[in-house]
Protein backbone atom coordinates (compact mmCIF):
# COMPACT_ATOMS: atom_id res chain seq x y z
CA MET A 1 8.32 7.12 -12.09
CA ARG A 2 10.73 8.68 -9.19
CA LEU A 3 9.94 10.12 -6.30
CA ARG A 4 10.18 13.63 -7.71
CA PRO A 5 6.65 14.59 -7.51
CA LEU A 6 6.82 14.37 -3.01
CA THR A 7 10.72 15.46 -3.15
CA GLU A 8 10.46 19.23 -4.90
CA ASP A 9 10.49 20.85 -2.11
CA ARG A 10 11.90 18.21 0.63
CA PRO A 11 14.11 16.12 0.91
CA LYS A 12 12.94 12.29 1.03
CA SER A 13 14.49 12.29 5.20
CA VAL A 14 11.46 14.27 6.04
CA VAL A 15 9.14 12.96 3.70
CA PRO A 16 6.55 12.10 5.67
CA VAL A 17 5.74 8.21 6.74
CA LEU A 18 2.74 7.66 8.92
CA ASN A 19 2.64 11.42 9.56
CA ARG A 20 6.14 11.04 11.09
CA PRO A 21 9.36 12.63 8.50
CA ALA A 22 11.15 9.06 7.16
CA MET A 23 14.19 9.20 8.91
CA GLU A 24 12.96 9.54 12.34
CA HIS A 25 11.82 5.68 11.20
CA THR A 26 15.29 5.24 10.72
CA PHE A 27 16.71 7.03 13.89
CA ALA A 28 14.81 4.87 16.04
CA TYR A 29 15.09 1.67 14.12
CA LEU A 30 19.30 2.79 14.69
CA ARG A 31 19.17 3.58 18.60
CA ARG A 32 17.03 0.05 19.45
CA TYR A 33 20.48 -0.82 18.41
CA GLY A 34 22.42 1.29 20.46
CA ILE A 35 23.47 3.46 17.63
CA LYS A 36 23.26 6.90 18.16
CA ASP A 37 25.97 8.39 16.37
CA ILE A 38 24.64 9.15 12.75
CA ILE A 39 26.80 11.19 9.90
CA LEU A 40 24.51 12.20 7.18
CA ALA A 41 26.03 12.63 3.85
CA ILE A 42 23.55 15.36 2.06
CA SER A 43 23.53 16.86 -0.99
CA TYR A 44 19.58 17.90 -1.83
CA LEU A 45 18.22 20.68 -0.32
CA PRO A 46 21.00 20.26 3.08
CA ASP A 47 19.41 22.87 4.57
CA VAL A 48 15.59 21.69 4.83
CA ILE A 49 17.31 18.45 6.65
CA GLN A 50 19.31 20.76 9.43
CA GLN A 51 17.16 22.53 10.38
CA HIS A 52 14.75 19.98 10.84
CA PHE A 53 16.86 17.43 12.29
CA GLY A 54 19.17 20.28 13.91
CA ASP A 55 22.02 18.03 15.94
CA GLY A 56 19.49 15.07 16.56
CA SER A 57 18.76 15.32 20.38
CA ARG A 58 14.87 15.73 19.59
CA CYS A 59 14.82 12.49 18.42
CA GLY A 60 17.61 10.88 20.94
CA VAL A 61 20.96 10.79 18.66
CA ARG A 62 23.95 12.05 17.28
CA LEU A 63 23.81 13.72 14.37
CA THR A 64 26.76 15.12 12.33
CA TYR A 65 26.07 17.03 8.79
CA CYS A 66 28.53 15.50 5.81
CA LEU A 67 27.67 18.26 3.12
CA GLU A 68 28.57 17.19 -0.64
CA LYS A 69 28.12 20.56 -3.22
CA GLU A 70 28.07 18.02 -6.07
CA PRO A 71 26.64 14.37 -5.02
CA LEU A 72 29.48 12.15 -4.73
CA GLY A 73 27.86 8.86 -5.13
CA THR A 74 26.97 6.09 -2.51
CA ALA A 75 30.32 5.53 -1.77
CA GLY A 76 32.39 8.54 -2.74
CA ALA A 77 29.87 9.91 0.42
CA VAL A 78 31.50 7.96 3.10
CA LYS A 79 34.88 8.95 1.69
CA ASN A 80 33.39 12.53 2.49
CA ALA A 81 33.32 11.58 6.25
CA ALA A 82 36.51 9.42 6.08
CA ALA A 83 37.79 12.00 9.39
CA PHE A 84 34.95 10.44 11.14
CA LEU A 85 35.21 7.01 10.78
CA ASN A 86 37.82 5.36 12.91
CA ASP A 87 36.02 2.05 13.32
CA THR A 88 33.68 -0.77 12.01
CA PHE A 89 31.02 1.45 10.95
CA PHE A 90 27.83 0.42 9.34
CA VAL A 91 26.38 2.66 6.40
CA MET A 92 22.99 2.69 5.08
CA ASN A 93 20.89 4.06 2.39
CA GLY A 94 18.45 6.57 3.24
CA ASP A 95 15.27 5.56 1.23
CA ILE A 96 15.62 1.71 2.49
CA PHE A 97 13.47 0.79 5.22
CA THR A 98 14.18 -3.11 6.62
CA ASP A 99 13.45 -4.66 10.00
CA LEU A 100 16.95 -6.47 9.36
CA ASN A 101 18.92 -7.33 12.83
CA LEU A 102 21.99 -4.84 13.53
CA ALA A 103 23.60 -7.42 15.96
CA ASP A 104 23.14 -10.18 13.45
CA ILE A 105 25.02 -8.91 10.48
CA LEU A 106 27.52 -7.60 12.81
CA ALA A 107 28.48 -10.85 14.28
CA ARG A 108 28.48 -12.51 10.84
CA HIS A 109 30.82 -9.85 9.19
CA LYS A 110 33.06 -9.94 12.52
CA GLU A 111 33.17 -13.77 12.55
CA LYS A 112 34.38 -13.90 9.18
CA LYS A 113 36.81 -10.92 9.50
CA ALA A 114 35.51 -9.01 6.10
CA VAL A 115 36.24 -5.34 5.32
CA ALA A 116 32.78 -5.22 4.05
CA THR A 117 29.35 -7.52 4.74
CA ILE A 118 26.66 -6.44 2.02
CA SER A 119 22.59 -7.63 3.66
CA LEU A 120 20.85 -9.23 0.37
CA ALA A 121 17.23 -9.55 0.63
CA TRP A 122 15.12 -11.81 -1.89
CA VAL A 123 13.06 -10.46 -4.97
CA ASP A 124 11.35 -11.73 -6.78
CA ASP A 125 12.11 -9.70 -10.28
CA PRO A 126 15.37 -8.57 -9.40
CA SER A 127 16.22 -6.72 -13.18
CA ALA A 128 15.85 -3.87 -11.32
CA PHE A 129 18.08 -4.40 -8.78
CA GLY A 130 22.11 -5.09 -8.55
CA VAL A 131 21.89 -8.74 -7.69
CA VAL A 132 25.17 -10.34 -5.34
CA GLU A 133 26.00 -14.17 -6.92
CA THR A 134 27.72 -15.70 -3.57
CA ASP A 135 29.71 -19.26 -2.80
CA ASP A 136 28.31 -21.51 0.22
CA SER A 137 30.12 -19.54 2.82
CA GLN A 138 28.14 -16.50 2.02
CA LYS A 139 31.46 -15.14 0.31
CA VAL A 140 30.69 -12.78 -2.38
CA LYS A 141 31.52 -13.57 -5.61
CA ARG A 142 30.18 -11.07 -7.95
CA PHE A 143 28.39 -8.42 -8.64
CA ILE A 144 25.50 -8.09 -11.96
CA GLU A 145 24.09 -4.68 -12.79
CA LYS A 146 19.94 -4.96 -13.51
CA PRO A 147 19.94 -8.72 -15.73
CA PRO A 148 17.43 -9.94 -17.40
CA LEU A 149 14.64 -11.73 -14.97
CA ALA A 150 15.73 -14.43 -18.29
CA GLU A 151 19.00 -14.55 -17.22
CA ALA A 152 19.51 -13.82 -13.42
CA THR A 153 21.76 -16.28 -12.10
CA THR A 154 20.82 -15.24 -8.28
CA HIS A 155 17.24 -13.34 -6.87
CA TRP A 156 19.66 -11.91 -3.66
CA ILE A 157 19.82 -8.08 -4.57
CA ASN A 158 21.63 -5.44 -2.43
CA ALA A 159 19.65 -4.35 0.06
CA GLY A 160 21.75 -1.30 1.11
CA THR A 161 22.63 -2.00 4.28
CA TYR A 162 26.83 -2.63 4.84
CA VAL A 163 29.23 -2.76 7.79
CA LEU A 164 32.37 -2.19 6.45
CA GLU A 165 36.34 -1.36 8.18
CA PRO A 166 37.76 2.18 7.76
CA GLU A 167 39.82 0.31 5.31
CA ILE A 168 37.99 0.46 2.55
CA LEU A 169 38.11 3.91 2.43
CA GLU A 170 41.45 3.48 0.42
CA HIS A 171 39.67 2.72 -2.60
CA ILE A 172 37.40 5.32 -2.64
CA PRO A 173 39.27 8.08 -4.29
CA ALA A 174 38.57 11.51 -3.13
CA ASP A 175 36.17 14.25 -4.64
CA THR A 176 34.66 12.30 -6.67
CA HIS A 177 31.88 10.90 -7.67
CA TYR A 178 31.56 7.25 -7.00
CA MET A 179 29.47 3.70 -6.59
CA PHE A 180 29.66 1.11 -4.00
CA GLU A 181 27.50 -1.22 -6.10
CA ARG A 182 29.77 -0.58 -9.53
CA GLY A 183 33.35 0.90 -7.68
CA LEU A 184 33.57 -0.08 -4.76
CA PHE A 185 32.84 -3.39 -4.20
CA PRO A 186 33.86 -5.22 -7.34
CA GLY A 187 37.20 -3.22 -6.65
CA LEU A 188 37.64 -5.26 -3.14
CA LEU A 189 36.99 -8.31 -5.07
CA GLU A 190 39.79 -8.04 -7.43
CA ALA A 191 42.05 -6.70 -4.68
CA GLY A 192 41.59 -10.32 -2.96
CA LYS A 193 39.81 -8.80 0.08
CA PRO A 194 37.47 -10.16 1.87
CA VAL A 195 34.14 -9.41 0.98
CA TYR A 196 30.57 -11.38 2.44
CA ALA A 197 27.41 -11.02 2.59
CA PHE A 198 24.11 -11.32 4.28
CA PRO A 199 21.30 -13.03 2.83
CA TYR A 200 17.68 -12.20 5.10
CA ARG A 201 13.97 -12.42 4.25
CA GLY A 202 12.47 -9.62 6.59
CA PHE A 203 10.52 -6.49 5.41
CA TRP A 204 12.73 -4.88 3.10
CA LEU A 205 11.66 -2.12 1.01
CA ASP A 206 12.95 0.79 -0.94
CA MET A 207 10.79 3.92 -0.89
CA GLY A 208 12.29 5.54 -4.37
CA SER A 209 8.61 5.67 -6.32
CA PRO A 210 5.14 7.04 -5.18
CA SER A 211 4.25 3.27 -5.66
CA GLN A 212 6.39 2.10 -3.16
CA TYR A 213 6.35 5.21 -0.69
CA PHE A 214 2.28 4.30 -0.40
CA SER A 215 3.22 0.77 0.06
CA LEU A 216 5.42 1.28 3.03
CA ASN A 217 2.55 3.39 4.72
CA THR A 218 0.36 1.06 4.00
CA SER A 219 2.15 -1.93 4.94
CA LEU A 220 3.10 -0.35 7.99
CA LEU A 221 -0.75 0.57 8.71
CA ASN A 222 -1.88 -3.26 7.86
CA LEU A 223 0.24 -4.16 10.54
CA ASN A 224 2.99 -6.04 7.93
CA ALA A 225 5.29 -4.25 9.06
CA LYS A 226 6.86 -2.41 11.86
CA SER A 227 8.25 0.83 12.90
CA PRO A 228 9.79 1.53 16.56
CA LEU A 229 9.47 5.17 16.41
CA VAL A 230 5.17 4.52 16.27
CA SER A 231 3.24 2.96 18.47
CA LEU A 232 0.64 0.73 17.24
CA VAL A 233 -1.25 -0.41 20.28
CA ARG A 234 -4.26 1.72 19.71
CA LEU A 235 -4.20 0.31 15.54
CA ALA A 236 -3.49 -3.17 16.62
CA LYS A 237 -7.01 -2.73 19.16
CA ASN A 238 -9.52 -1.32 17.14
CA GLY A 239 -7.86 -0.34 14.18
CA ILE A 240 -7.98 3.37 14.06
CA SER A 241 -5.12 5.84 15.88
CA ARG A 242 -7.00 9.07 16.64
CA GLY A 243 -4.68 12.27 17.38
CA ALA A 244 -5.00 15.73 19.88
CA ASN A 245 -7.60 18.61 19.35
CA ILE A 246 -9.79 16.33 16.36
CA ASN A 247 -12.73 17.77 15.60
CA ILE A 248 -15.14 14.11 14.37
CA HIS A 249 -19.12 15.32 13.50
CA PRO A 250 -21.51 12.59 15.14
CA SER A 251 -22.60 11.16 11.05
CA ALA A 252 -19.23 10.55 10.08
CA SER A 253 -17.73 7.27 9.40
CA ILE A 254 -14.18 5.72 10.10
CA MET A 255 -13.13 1.99 8.50
CA PRO A 256 -9.99 0.55 9.83
CA PRO A 257 -6.97 0.44 9.50
CA ALA A 258 -6.88 4.65 9.87
CA ILE A 259 -4.40 7.20 11.44
CA ILE A 260 -5.95 10.62 11.83
CA GLY A 261 -3.76 13.26 12.73
CA ASP A 262 -3.84 16.44 15.07
CA GLY A 263 -6.11 19.08 14.29
CA CYS A 264 -7.49 17.69 12.17
CA ARG A 265 -11.61 18.33 11.13
CA ILE A 266 -13.80 15.71 9.36
CA GLY A 267 -17.68 17.04 8.73
CA ALA A 268 -20.83 15.57 8.22
CA GLY A 269 -21.55 12.30 6.03
CA VAL A 270 -17.88 11.94 6.03
CA LYS A 271 -16.58 8.25 5.00
CA ILE A 272 -12.60 7.41 5.24
CA LYS A 273 -11.98 3.83 4.27
CA GLY A 274 -8.76 2.03 5.68
CA PRO A 275 -6.14 2.27 4.94
CA ALA A 276 -6.28 5.86 5.47
CA ILE A 277 -3.80 8.33 6.87
CA ILE A 278 -4.58 11.34 7.35
CA GLY A 279 -2.13 14.26 8.53
CA PRO A 280 -1.78 16.81 10.99
CA ASP A 281 -4.61 19.70 10.29
CA CYS A 282 -6.57 18.30 7.64
CA ARG A 283 -9.97 19.15 6.62
CA LEU A 284 -12.29 16.84 4.98
CA GLU A 285 -15.48 19.44 4.45
CA ASP A 286 -19.19 17.33 4.39
CA GLY A 287 -19.83 14.43 2.91
CA ALA A 288 -16.51 13.90 1.17
CA VAL A 289 -15.07 10.05 0.55
CA VAL A 290 -11.68 9.18 1.24
CA GLU A 291 -10.66 4.99 0.53
CA ASN A 292 -6.79 4.06 0.74
CA VAL A 293 -5.29 7.25 0.70
CA VAL A 294 -2.03 8.98 2.53
CA LEU A 295 -3.14 12.90 2.99
CA TRP A 296 0.06 14.92 4.69
CA ASP A 297 -0.63 18.20 6.03
CA ASN A 298 -3.04 21.27 5.98
CA ILE A 299 -5.04 19.84 3.46
CA ILE A 300 -8.51 20.48 1.93
CA VAL A 301 -10.86 18.21 0.49
CA GLY A 302 -13.96 19.80 -0.79
CA VAL A 303 -16.83 18.99 -0.30
CA LYS A 304 -18.75 15.47 -1.41
CA THR A 305 -14.98 14.92 -3.22
CA SER A 306 -14.33 11.61 -3.50
CA LEU A 307 -10.41 10.14 -3.39
CA ALA A 308 -9.10 7.00 -4.03
CA HIS A 309 -5.49 5.32 -4.03
CA CYS A 310 -4.37 8.85 -3.75
CA ILE A 311 -1.37 10.37 -1.83
CA VAL A 312 -1.95 14.56 -1.34
CA VAL A 313 0.65 16.58 -0.62
CA SER A 314 0.75 19.35 2.11
CA ARG A 315 -1.18 22.09 1.59
CA ALA A 316 -3.19 20.87 -1.67
CA VAL A 317 -7.12 22.04 -2.31
CA ILE A 318 -9.40 19.67 -3.83
CA ASP A 319 -12.74 21.74 -5.00
CA GLY A 320 -15.69 20.05 -4.07
CA HIS A 321 -18.06 17.16 -6.19
CA GLN A 322 -14.75 15.76 -7.84
CA GLU A 323 -13.69 11.57 -8.41
CA VAL A 324 -9.79 11.42 -7.82
CA ALA A 325 -8.12 7.95 -8.35
CA ASP A 326 -5.10 6.78 -8.81
CA SER A 327 -3.50 9.90 -8.68
CA ILE A 328 -1.06 12.36 -6.91
CA ILE A 329 -2.04 15.59 -5.79
CA THR A 330 0.13 18.54 -5.28
CA PRO A 331 -0.52 22.41 -4.73
CA ALA A 332 0.29 22.75 -8.60
CA GLN A 333 -0.97 19.33 -10.08
CA THR A 334 -1.89 15.82 -10.49
CA VAL A 335 -0.19 13.37 -11.69
CA PRO A 336 -0.64 9.27 -11.72
CA LEU A 337 -0.09 6.91 -9.29
CA PRO A 338 1.24 3.95 -10.54
CA ARG A 339 -0.49 0.81 -8.96
């Protein structure tokens, strides 16, 4: 299942992660390495993205938007931004969260005099990914798309962060759907261009499905991964972060780790069992129990209703006296959330 139940009215870039839009975490990550000029290649709900982020100044970056009338693919989107790319540049997939050291991969790229350097991540089962074979010097030999586990020659997969030279743009057709994995990178190898890999074993997660999105939130909340956007000092101290203007009844109990957003109302006898992320302006009515949940904003959980392992989308209202588990709950429907 892709992320569609969560993105029917908003693109992935503004889906909340620890109560902040996902892309803001990426901006903070890039700023850590002094990268402030950012091009967003967008096709799905572009107005939502532009209205939310504007020129980027609120996030400490400078944004340029390159819109696609039709999706152009991973490499085609970069070609669409060619007018702004006249020096070595990074490309990142927008739904990837990673702690890859960008200074290190850039240094390796320069050392090898590569035209393209591809970050690699190790996974136990590479059958859902594109694997990358390399020689002893990490020069890329070939790409294999989604090999069966028994036939995989490596567990190193394309991790979706690249360092590229402007000359690669000559190898991408204009106004055409074109992919890095199946088009550009194999084409560069055929042309004899130096393409290198940069393997690393740090945190890496593709939030392309609801279960992976849920895992990202809980990994960050459990301090198994870090985002430079969010200070988790209070979480590290007592496991609970409380926002402003919240009202928690004295009889409610909170078991960490948990984040409670601004303006929340927590009723009598409510039990919050972490990991739990409660977005802004949520209301948990008397006797409600929520455990292992990601709640967005403006949600009502009814009297004595129990939620376990759920994602609840903005403005959903859940009636009282219910037990709901392993579900994505939207204002319009409830669908399974795989573990």
